[in-house]
Every structure is written in structure tokens, then in C-alpha cells.
Amino acid sequence: MKAGGVPVTAELFIAFRYLLGRAKEGGRYLRGAALGIALSLIPIVVTLIVADGMIRGITDRYIELGTGHLRLRRYFDSGESPGDAARNIPGVRGIWRERQGIGIVLGAKGKTGVAIRAVDGDFFAEPGSRRFLTVIDGAADLDVPGGVLLGEELAASAGAELGKTIHIMSLRRTASGAVLPRTIPLTVRGIVSSGYRELDALWCIISAEDGDRLLDASFADDFYTVKIDAPYTKAGETAWRLAELLGPAWEVYTWKELQFSQYRSYESTRQILLFIMAMVVLVAAVHVSSATSMLVIERRRDIAVLKAGGASPAATGRVFMFASFLTGLLGAGAGIAAGLLIGYFINPLIHGLEAALSFFSSLFHGGEVKILDPGYYLAEIPVVIDWRMVFLIGLFTVLCSVLASYLPARGAGKLKPMEILRRF
């Protein structure tokens, strides 16, 4: 196939030669631009992997250990239990009754405010819960009433120890309407952690039977927690089917509705980070434009020969457009590959950097250095690769490279061969 007297394959071949040619022939400009693109893409891809991993890791913990995938709340009393209806829907893993309220733990170190969760005993035995719940001491066992599970941070602040008795106080309303405190003693059966301090810092988990004794219905929130096989893709569909089966007596909420503000906050932060990084790609694309301009200057003799041989201005310009396309493709490929490699090994890299910084800090009598403090971040970042976004980043980079080189490539097509040949 020919375009303007020059086969398209020939245009690509010439562009490829320019990219890989000797430095003095102009190849250094394109390779320098490709390196700039690669260096700009590495932090973008690593940021994408880390941000997606943090969001997924925190969200997984919230929906597996906290809100569940769906939540059923009774709108008015119909006398029916939602358990049978939920279990009849394909993909539903289980349903558990829960009552939540606030209270105070009276421990060896004093009083500490807590969020009391009274759940069915096998909730934390479910595979999804077990995956993200770490038992620091004891066991996550509430089959027998009279026990309590405490979050790691809460246990430390309250001075609670495994096997010791603590007292938990909440409020109750008498028949006359008076509000009085209610206190029950419970034995610490386990100290647990979700790996995310914000989630379990106030955790005080008791059995459903103890919850009925401790938490007055007028001061507590009663609901059912449902887990399904595909919470990220099937939550809305399953919620709709449940609402249809249960009728108007029940309200059904998905985890996205329950965690809407927090999830949107994570997504907004991720988008802002990517937008800022995209500005770096635009700067790298401007470098491609400069490299193409310098290449046009270096290869004016080639342009004269091409045009003298019958190449049209458009065909001549396409040679340099192809060169910028290959430059963007090379830079994007190298940058994305390096970013994916670093992102895949981000946890050992961070731990290694922490160890090195801690070593140098100890030489100056400093403390241990933590880049990701587990008090505020996850101890381990899940590696989550959004291949669709990675492809879009690569496509955006190549497109910016081609568009940035349009004007210098167009200028190359307008050069007059006789003037160039007379000058050289």
C-alpha cells in the first residue's frame, strides 16, 4: 500500500531506523524522550497499584468483618425471619443476626468507650471473616455466652488480658421511662485484629445472647448481615432479589450504600493522585515534541531525498508521526513494565527500605522507621492490578506523544527539497 508515493511500510521502517539509529543521526532525541516517558509512567503505575490495593484491602475488611455485603433492617414487624428467603437465593453464603450499641469497658486501666457488637457465634468462623481476622491471643470463639472478643488496640488501652474478667456498661430504659446503667461481667476469650486499626480500635464483640442481656432495644440497632459470593459485582442484583422476596417489611442495603461516603472518599483521592501524575505524562509528551523538532533538523537531507523521490508532504510528515508513535510506544511499554514490576514487589521493597532506614536511624540513636504505619495503613498492601486502567494509561501516553509531534511533523512535510539540497 502506498501513500503519497511512499509505501506505509517504508514510512514505518524509516521511523524505526530513526528511533534506533546512531545518536549523531538524531536517534538520541527520540530515545531520550522515550526514557522521559518511561520515568514518568513508573510512579503512575505504582501509585495506581498501591492506591487500588489499599482501597481494596480496607474495603474487604470493612465488608467482611464490619458491614457485611448486604444489610437487612426490619421496617415494621411482620413476624417473619429473613433467613429462609436469603438462603434460597443463589450465591448467598450466609445470614447472621446482629445488634449494635455503644457502651463503656471497665478494665484494669480504667474506662474506655466502645462499639458493642453482638453477633451470632459463627459469624467469625465464616471463610471471608476468617481471612481478614487475625487472632492475636486466645480464640475467636463466642459459641458459649459469657465471653468477649476485644480489638487489639482496645485491649491495650483498657488493660484487658486473655482469661481476665472485664465489665461492660450500657444504658437501659425502665418501664417508667427512666434511663439507668446496666453492667455485666464478661471473660476475655480472644484479642483480635483486622489489620486496620481504625476498624477494630473500638471493637467489643459479644455473643447474640449476651447482646440481648446487655443492649436495650431502645438504644441499639438490630439488623441482619448477609454475605454473598460476589460482593463487588452482584451486591445490587442480590439486594433487589431479597427486597422482592421479603416485601415492604424489610429494607435492604448494599455495602456501597452503607459505606458510600468513605468509599467515595477513597475513589476521589485515587482520581486526584492519577490526575496529578497525568500532568507529568503531558510534560513528557512535550519532550517528544521537542525531540521530533530536533530530529527534523537533523534529518533535513533525508527529507529532501524523500520529497525529491516523490513523497508528498503528508507522507513525509507521517514518517515523523510514526517516529513519535514508536517513541511513545517504547516509553509507555518500558514505563508500564517497570511500574508493574515495582508494584508487584511493593511490600518487600517497602519492608527493605524500612529496614535500611531503621538501621541508619539507629546509628544516630533514632527509633524504628515505618513508611506505612500499621496504625493508619494496612500492614501489607494487597497487589491489585487494574488492567483496564493500565491499558488506558498506555493509550493516553501514546496518543499524547503523537499529538505533541503533529506540528513539527507537519513542518517537516512543508520543507522544500531544493532549498535543503542547495544549502547542503
Protein backbone atom coordinates (compact mmCIF):
# COMPACT_ATOMS: atom_id res chain seq x y z
CA MET A 1 0.00 0.00 0.00
CA LYS A 2 1.36 3.42 -0.97
CA ALA A 3 0.58 6.84 0.39
CA GLY A 4 1.97 9.84 -1.46
CA GLY A 5 4.42 7.70 -3.46
CA VAL A 6 5.95 6.01 -0.37
CA PRO A 7 4.76 2.64 0.99
CA VAL A 8 3.43 2.86 4.54
CA THR A 9 5.79 0.03 5.49
CA ALA A 10 8.68 2.15 4.24
CA GLU A 11 7.50 5.08 6.39
CA LEU A 12 7.41 2.79 9.43
CA PHE A 13 10.83 1.36 8.61
CA ILE A 14 12.37 4.82 8.32
CA ALA A 15 10.73 5.90 11.60
CA PHE A 16 12.03 2.74 13.28
CA ARG A 17 15.55 3.45 11.99
CA TYR A 18 15.36 6.99 13.38
CA LEU A 19 14.38 5.67 16.81
CA LEU A 20 17.15 3.05 16.96
CA GLY A 21 19.67 4.86 14.80
CA ARG A 22 23.03 6.29 15.82
CA ALA A 23 22.99 9.13 18.34
CA LYS A 24 24.53 11.64 15.93
CA GLU A 25 21.78 10.92 13.41
CA GLY A 26 19.07 12.13 15.78
CA GLY A 27 18.17 8.88 17.50
CA ARG A 28 19.36 10.23 20.84
CA TYR A 29 16.49 12.73 20.88
CA LEU A 30 13.80 10.10 20.46
CA ARG A 31 15.39 7.68 22.90
CA GLY A 32 15.75 10.48 25.44
CA ALA A 33 12.07 11.30 25.02
CA ALA A 34 11.16 7.61 25.42
CA LEU A 35 13.19 7.48 28.63
CA GLY A 36 11.39 10.55 29.92
CA ILE A 37 8.02 8.94 29.22
CA ALA A 38 9.09 5.71 30.92
CA LEU A 39 10.28 7.54 34.02
CA SER A 40 7.02 9.49 34.20
CA LEU A 41 4.89 6.34 33.92
CA ILE A 42 6.64 4.34 36.64
CA PRO A 43 5.23 6.39 39.57
CA ILE A 44 1.81 6.49 37.91
CA VAL A 45 1.56 2.70 37.65
CA VAL A 46 2.98 2.17 41.15
CA THR A 47 0.55 4.76 42.55
CA LEU A 48 -2.34 3.03 40.79
CA ILE A 49 -1.38 -0.38 42.21
CA VAL A 50 -0.82 0.93 45.73
CA ALA A 51 -4.00 3.04 45.75
CA ASP A 52 -6.15 0.20 44.39
CA GLY A 53 -4.53 -2.24 46.81
CA MET A 54 -5.14 0.00 49.82
CA ILE A 55 -8.73 0.68 48.79
CA ARG A 56 -9.44 -2.99 48.15
CA GLY A 57 -7.69 -4.11 51.35
CA ILE A 58 -9.55 -1.65 53.58
CA THR A 59 -12.87 -2.22 51.81
CA ASP A 60 -12.51 -6.01 52.09
CA ARG A 61 -12.01 -5.69 55.82
CA TYR A 62 -14.99 -3.39 56.22
CA ILE A 63 -17.39 -5.61 54.30
CA GLU A 64 -16.12 -8.95 55.58
CA LEU A 65 -15.73 -8.02 59.25
CA GLY A 66 -17.98 -4.99 59.59
CA THR A 67 -20.97 -4.15 57.46
CA GLY A 68 -21.20 -7.42 55.55
CA HIS A 69 -22.13 -7.41 51.88
CA LEU A 70 -25.81 -6.67 52.46
CA ARG A 71 -27.72 -5.48 55.47
CA LEU A 72 -31.38 -6.20 56.22
CA ARG A 73 -33.23 -3.93 58.60
CA ARG A 74 -36.83 -4.51 59.67
CA TYR A 75 -39.03 -1.59 58.65
CA PHE A 76 -42.03 -2.87 60.58
CA ASP A 77 -42.70 -6.12 62.40
CA SER A 78 -44.09 -8.78 60.07
CA GLY A 79 -43.34 -11.72 62.32
CA GLU A 80 -41.15 -13.35 59.62
CA SER A 81 -37.44 -14.16 59.73
CA PRO A 82 -35.42 -13.26 56.61
CA GLY A 83 -33.14 -16.28 56.96
CA ASP A 84 -35.04 -18.74 54.74
CA ALA A 85 -35.62 -16.19 51.97
CA ALA A 86 -31.95 -15.18 51.93
CA ARG A 87 -30.63 -18.74 51.85
CA ASN A 88 -32.86 -19.61 48.89
CA ILE A 89 -31.12 -17.05 46.68
CA PRO A 90 -28.16 -18.47 44.69
CA GLY A 91 -24.83 -17.02 45.74
CA VAL A 92 -25.80 -16.20 49.34
CA ARG A 93 -23.14 -17.57 51.70
CA GLY A 94 -24.88 -16.89 54.99
CA ILE A 95 -27.01 -14.60 57.13
CA TRP A 96 -26.38 -13.53 60.73
CA ARG A 97 -28.35 -11.54 63.29
CA GLU A 98 -26.51 -8.63 64.88
CA ARG A 99 -27.24 -5.96 67.45
CA GLN A 100 -25.00 -2.91 67.82
CA GLY A 101 -24.79 -0.31 70.53
CA ILE A 102 -22.35 1.84 72.45
CA GLY A 103 -21.01 1.30 75.92
CA ILE A 104 -18.05 1.52 78.27
CA VAL A 105 -15.47 -1.14 79.09
CA LEU A 106 -14.27 -1.09 82.69
CA GLY A 107 -10.76 -2.58 82.63
CA ALA A 108 -7.61 -2.57 84.70
CA LYS A 109 -6.50 0.75 83.18
CA GLY A 110 -9.84 2.49 83.61
CA LYS A 111 -12.84 3.24 81.41
CA THR A 112 -12.87 3.14 77.63
CA GLY A 113 -15.72 3.89 75.24
CA VAL A 114 -16.53 1.03 72.87
CA ALA A 115 -18.75 -0.02 69.99
CA ILE A 116 -20.51 -3.16 71.16
CA ARG A 117 -21.30 -5.77 68.53
CA ALA A 118 -23.50 -8.71 69.49
CA VAL A 119 -23.30 -11.27 66.68
CA ASP A 120 -24.20 -14.88 66.04
CA GLY A 121 -21.37 -17.16 67.18
CA ASP A 122 -20.33 -18.48 63.76
CA PHE A 123 -20.00 -15.09 62.05
CA PHE A 124 -16.23 -15.04 62.55
CA ALA A 125 -15.92 -18.69 61.53
CA GLU A 126 -17.16 -17.82 58.03
CA PRO A 127 -14.29 -18.05 55.46
CA GLY A 128 -14.46 -14.38 54.48
CA SER A 129 -14.28 -13.26 58.11
CA ARG A 130 -11.55 -15.77 58.92
CA ARG A 131 -9.46 -14.50 56.03
CA PHE A 132 -9.11 -10.98 57.44
CA LEU A 133 -9.42 -11.60 61.18
CA THR A 134 -6.15 -12.21 62.98
CA VAL A 135 -6.35 -13.75 66.42
CA ILE A 136 -3.62 -12.12 68.49
CA ASP A 137 -4.35 -14.18 71.61
CA GLY A 138 -6.95 -16.77 72.58
CA ALA A 139 -9.61 -17.76 70.03
CA ALA A 140 -12.38 -16.05 68.07
CA ASP A 141 -14.99 -18.22 69.79
CA LEU A 142 -18.32 -16.92 71.08
CA ASP A 143 -20.28 -20.18 70.97
CA VAL A 144 -20.74 -20.07 74.74
CA PRO A 145 -22.23 -16.90 76.31
CA GLY A 146 -20.21 -15.00 78.87
CA GLY A 147 -17.19 -14.26 76.65
CA VAL A 148 -15.98 -11.21 74.77
CA LEU A 149 -13.58 -10.53 71.88
CA LEU A 150 -11.65 -7.28 72.04
CA GLY A 151 -9.81 -5.39 69.34
CA GLU A 152 -6.06 -5.30 69.88
CA GLU A 153 -5.89 -1.55 70.41
CA LEU A 154 -8.92 -1.58 72.72
CA ALA A 155 -7.48 -4.38 74.84
CA ALA A 156 -4.23 -2.45 75.26
CA SER A 157 -5.96 0.80 76.21
CA ALA A 158 -8.32 -0.91 78.67
CA GLY A 159 -5.64 -3.15 80.19
CA ALA A 160 -7.63 -6.29 79.36
CA GLU A 161 -5.86 -9.66 79.23
CA LEU A 162 -6.86 -13.08 77.98
CA GLY A 163 -8.86 -15.02 80.56
CA LYS A 164 -9.47 -11.96 82.73
CA THR A 165 -12.90 -10.58 83.58
CA ILE A 166 -13.95 -7.13 82.44
CA HIS A 167 -17.19 -5.27 82.97
CA ILE A 168 -19.17 -3.70 80.14
CA MET A 169 -21.70 -0.99 80.86
CA SER A 170 -24.53 0.23 78.62
CA LEU A 171 -27.84 2.01 79.09
CA ARG A 172 -31.30 0.59 79.63
CA ARG A 173 -34.74 2.13 79.83
CA THR A 174 -37.06 1.11 82.67
CA ALA A 175 -40.81 0.62 82.38
CA SER A 176 -41.32 4.12 83.74
CA GLY A 177 -39.07 5.57 81.06
CA ALA A 178 -36.07 6.26 83.28
CA VAL A 179 -32.62 5.67 81.80
CA LEU A 180 -30.25 3.65 84.01
CA PRO A 181 -26.87 1.97 83.53
CA ARG A 182 -26.63 -1.80 83.05
CA THR A 183 -23.37 -3.65 83.67
CA ILE A 184 -22.43 -7.30 83.04
CA PRO A 185 -19.14 -9.14 83.66
CA LEU A 186 -17.57 -10.97 80.70
CA THR A 187 -14.42 -13.06 80.27
CA VAL A 188 -11.92 -12.09 77.58
CA ARG A 189 -11.91 -15.08 75.21
CA GLY A 190 -9.79 -13.55 72.50
CA ILE A 191 -7.86 -10.48 71.36
CA VAL A 192 -8.26 -9.91 67.63
CA SER A 193 -7.22 -7.55 64.86
CA SER A 194 -8.39 -6.83 61.34
CA GLY A 195 -5.01 -5.39 60.36
CA TYR A 196 -6.55 -1.92 60.17
CA ARG A 197 -6.62 0.00 63.45
CA GLU A 198 -9.43 2.39 62.53
CA LEU A 199 -11.79 -0.54 62.05
CA ASP A 200 -11.17 -2.51 65.23
CA ALA A 201 -9.87 0.13 67.67
CA LEU A 202 -13.27 0.20 69.41
CA TRP A 203 -14.32 -3.39 68.78
CA CYS A 204 -16.04 -5.14 71.66
CA ILE A 205 -17.69 -8.28 70.29
CA ILE A 206 -20.05 -10.42 72.34
CA SER A 207 -22.48 -13.25 71.62
CA ALA A 208 -26.04 -12.58 70.47
CA GLU A 209 -27.38 -13.93 73.81
CA ASP A 210 -25.18 -11.55 75.82
CA GLY A 211 -26.19 -8.75 73.49
CA ASP A 212 -29.86 -9.33 74.31
CA ARG A 213 -29.00 -9.04 78.01
CA LEU A 214 -26.72 -6.02 77.75
CA LEU A 215 -28.11 -3.89 74.93
CA ASP A 216 -31.56 -2.41 75.40
CA ALA A 217 -33.55 -2.42 72.14
CA SER A 218 -34.33 1.28 72.51
CA PHE A 219 -30.61 2.13 72.49
CA ALA A 220 -29.41 -0.44 69.96
CA ASP A 221 -29.57 -1.09 66.23
CA ASP A 222 -30.90 -4.51 65.17
CA PHE A 223 -30.29 -5.92 61.70
CA TYR A 224 -29.20 -8.97 59.73
CA THR A 225 -25.87 -9.21 57.93
CA VAL A 226 -25.75 -11.11 54.63
CA LYS A 227 -22.70 -12.32 52.73
CA ILE A 228 -22.68 -13.33 49.08
CA ASP A 229 -20.18 -14.87 46.65
CA ALA A 230 -19.53 -11.77 44.52
CA PRO A 231 -19.97 -8.63 46.65
CA TYR A 232 -18.27 -6.31 44.15
CA THR A 233 -20.39 -7.31 41.16
CA LYS A 234 -23.59 -8.95 42.47
CA ALA A 235 -24.50 -6.87 45.53
CA GLY A 236 -27.08 -4.72 43.76
CA GLU A 237 -28.73 -7.63 41.97
CA THR A 238 -28.92 -9.75 45.13
CA ALA A 239 -30.28 -6.81 47.14
CA TRP A 240 -33.05 -6.33 44.60
CA ARG A 241 -34.00 -10.04 44.73
CA LEU A 242 -34.02 -10.01 48.52
CA ALA A 243 -36.20 -6.92 48.63
CA GLU A 244 -38.61 -8.58 46.22
CA LEU A 245 -38.81 -11.77 48.31
CA LEU A 246 -39.07 -10.10 51.72
CA GLY A 247 -41.60 -7.45 50.75
CA PRO A 248 -42.12 -4.00 52.27
CA ALA A 249 -41.47 -5.14 55.85
CA TRP A 250 -37.69 -5.11 55.24
CA GLU A 251 -35.17 -2.58 53.98
CA VAL A 252 -32.14 -3.94 52.10
CA TYR A 253 -28.86 -2.03 51.84
CA THR A 254 -25.72 -2.91 49.92
CA TRP A 255 -22.25 -2.35 51.35
CA LYS A 256 -21.74 0.50 48.88
CA GLU A 257 -24.73 2.32 50.34
CA LEU A 258 -23.55 1.70 53.90
CA GLN A 259 -20.01 2.87 53.16
CA PHE A 260 -20.87 5.41 50.46
CA SER A 261 -19.07 8.47 51.86
CA GLN A 262 -15.93 6.56 52.82
CA TYR A 263 -15.74 4.64 49.54
CA ARG A 264 -16.25 7.82 47.53
CA SER A 265 -13.54 9.50 49.57
CA TYR A 266 -11.10 6.73 48.66
CA GLU A 267 -12.06 6.92 44.98
CA SER A 268 -11.73 10.72 44.92
CA THR A 269 -8.26 10.52 46.46
CA ARG A 270 -7.24 7.92 43.89
CA GLN A 271 -8.52 10.03 40.99
CA ILE A 272 -6.73 13.14 42.25
CA LEU A 273 -3.45 11.24 42.52
CA LEU A 274 -3.81 9.89 38.99
CA PHE A 275 -4.71 13.34 37.65
CA ILE A 276 -1.59 14.86 39.18
CA MET A 277 0.54 12.06 37.76
CA ALA A 278 -1.10 12.52 34.33
CA MET A 279 0.27 16.07 34.27
CA VAL A 280 3.75 14.53 34.35
CA VAL A 281 2.86 12.49 31.26
CA LEU A 282 1.84 15.67 29.45
CA VAL A 283 5.22 17.21 30.26
CA ALA A 284 6.91 14.09 28.88
CA ALA A 285 4.77 14.41 25.74
CA VAL A 286 6.06 17.96 25.26
CA HIS A 287 9.54 16.44 25.37
CA VAL A 288 8.50 14.20 22.45
CA SER A 289 7.54 17.33 20.50
CA SER A 290 10.95 18.86 21.16
CA ALA A 291 12.67 15.60 20.21
CA THR A 292 10.72 15.46 16.93
CA SER A 293 11.65 19.05 16.14
CA MET A 294 15.32 18.28 16.69
CA LEU A 295 15.01 15.12 14.60
CA VAL A 296 13.52 17.14 11.72
CA ILE A 297 16.51 19.49 11.87
CA GLU A 298 18.98 16.60 11.96
CA ARG A 299 17.34 14.70 9.10
CA ARG A 300 16.71 17.52 6.61
CA ARG A 301 18.76 15.74 3.96
CA ASP A 302 16.57 12.65 4.30
CA ILE A 303 13.51 14.84 3.94
CA ALA A 304 14.91 16.36 0.75
CA VAL A 305 15.67 12.92 -0.70
CA LEU A 306 12.20 11.62 0.20
CA LYS A 307 10.45 14.57 -1.38
CA ALA A 308 12.68 14.52 -4.42
CA GLY A 309 11.77 10.84 -4.82
CA GLY A 310 8.07 11.69 -4.98
CA ALA A 311 6.99 11.63 -1.34
CA SER A 312 4.14 14.00 -0.65
CA PRO A 313 4.20 16.46 2.29
CA ALA A 314 1.70 14.24 4.11
CA ALA A 315 3.84 11.12 3.62
CA THR A 316 6.94 12.96 4.83
CA GLY A 317 5.09 14.19 7.90
CA ARG A 318 3.85 10.67 8.61
CA VAL A 319 7.42 9.41 8.89
CA PHE A 320 7.95 11.69 11.89
CA MET A 321 4.50 10.97 13.26
CA PHE A 322 5.36 7.27 13.15
CA ALA A 323 8.65 8.05 14.87
CA SER A 324 6.83 9.82 17.71
CA PHE A 325 4.31 6.97 17.87
CA LEU A 326 7.10 4.42 18.25
CA THR A 327 8.79 6.67 20.82
CA GLY A 328 5.60 6.86 22.87
CA LEU A 329 5.03 3.13 22.49
CA LEU A 330 8.56 2.30 23.62
CA GLY A 331 8.40 4.69 26.56
CA ALA A 332 4.93 3.51 27.61
CA GLY A 333 5.88 -0.14 27.34
CA ALA A 334 9.08 0.27 29.34
CA GLY A 335 7.49 2.52 31.97
CA ILE A 336 4.43 0.33 32.47
CA ALA A 337 6.55 -2.83 32.67
CA ALA A 338 8.86 -1.28 35.27
CA GLY A 339 5.89 0.12 37.21
CA LEU A 340 4.15 -3.26 37.26
CA LEU A 341 7.35 -4.95 38.43
CA ILE A 342 7.85 -2.47 41.27
CA GLY A 343 4.14 -2.59 42.17
CA TYR A 344 4.14 -6.38 42.30
CA PHE A 345 7.03 -6.39 44.77
CA ILE A 346 5.92 -3.23 46.63
CA ASN A 347 5.64 -4.95 50.03
CA PRO A 348 9.16 -6.44 50.16
CA LEU A 349 10.54 -3.19 48.72
CA ILE A 350 8.85 -1.13 51.45
CA HIS A 351 9.96 -3.55 54.17
CA GLY A 352 13.51 -3.50 52.83
CA LEU A 353 13.52 0.31 52.73
CA GLU A 354 12.12 0.44 56.27
CA ALA A 355 14.88 -1.92 57.47
CA ALA A 356 17.58 0.18 55.78
CA LEU A 357 16.21 3.46 57.16
CA SER A 358 15.82 1.93 60.62
CA PHE A 359 19.45 0.80 60.51
CA PHE A 360 20.72 4.27 59.65
CA SER A 361 18.35 5.78 62.21
CA SER A 362 19.77 3.52 64.93
CA LEU A 363 23.26 4.84 64.18
CA PHE A 364 22.04 8.24 65.32
CA HIS A 365 20.08 6.80 68.27
CA GLY A 366 16.79 7.14 66.45
CA GLY A 367 13.80 4.81 66.57
CA GLU A 368 12.36 2.33 64.12
CA VAL A 369 11.25 3.89 60.82
CA LYS A 370 7.84 2.95 59.44
CA ILE A 371 6.92 4.16 55.97
CA LEU A 372 3.43 2.66 56.27
CA ASP A 373 2.44 2.89 59.92
CA PRO A 374 0.04 -0.03 60.55
CA GLY A 375 -1.84 2.26 62.90
CA TYR A 376 -3.07 4.23 59.90
CA TYR A 377 -2.43 1.96 56.90
CA LEU A 378 -2.56 -1.73 56.16
CA ALA A 379 0.44 -3.73 57.33
CA GLU A 380 0.51 -5.48 53.93
CA ILE A 381 -0.73 -3.83 50.73
CA PRO A 382 -2.73 -6.22 48.53
CA VAL A 383 -1.42 -6.24 44.95
CA VAL A 384 -4.39 -5.23 42.79
CA ILE A 385 -3.76 -4.51 39.10
CA ASP A 386 -6.49 -2.76 37.17
CA TRP A 387 -5.53 -3.91 33.67
CA ARG A 388 -8.17 -1.74 32.04
CA MET A 389 -6.72 1.39 33.66
CA VAL A 390 -3.18 0.30 32.81
CA PHE A 391 -4.20 -0.04 29.15
CA LEU A 392 -5.87 3.39 29.21
CA ILE A 393 -2.74 4.95 30.74
CA GLY A 394 -0.61 3.44 27.96
CA LEU A 395 -3.07 4.54 25.28
CA PHE A 396 -3.22 8.08 26.71
CA THR A 397 0.57 8.27 26.74
CA VAL A 398 0.98 7.16 23.13
CA LEU A 399 -1.84 9.45 21.99
CA CYS A 400 -0.26 12.45 23.76
CA SER A 401 3.08 11.63 22.14
CA VAL A 402 1.58 11.54 18.65
CA LEU A 403 -0.47 14.72 19.13
CA ALA A 404 2.52 16.58 20.58
CA SER A 405 4.59 15.82 17.47
CA TYR A 406 1.93 16.89 14.98
CA LEU A 407 3.22 20.44 14.43
CA PRO A 408 6.92 19.57 13.92
CA ALA A 409 5.95 16.63 11.67
CA ARG A 410 3.68 18.90 9.65
CA GLY A 411 6.53 21.40 9.38
CA ALA A 412 8.79 18.64 8.01
CA GLY A 413 6.28 17.98 5.24
CA LYS A 414 6.33 21.65 4.23
CA LEU A 415 10.10 21.86 3.80
CA LYS A 416 11.18 22.49 0.19
CA PRO A 417 13.71 19.92 -1.06
CA MET A 418 15.57 22.23 -3.48
CA GLU A 419 16.33 24.76 -0.75
CA ILE A 420 17.61 21.97 1.51
CA LEU A 421 19.81 20.46 -1.23
CA ARG A 422 21.28 23.87 -2.19
CA ARG A 423 22.12 24.56 1.48
CA PHE A 424 23.80 21.15 2.00
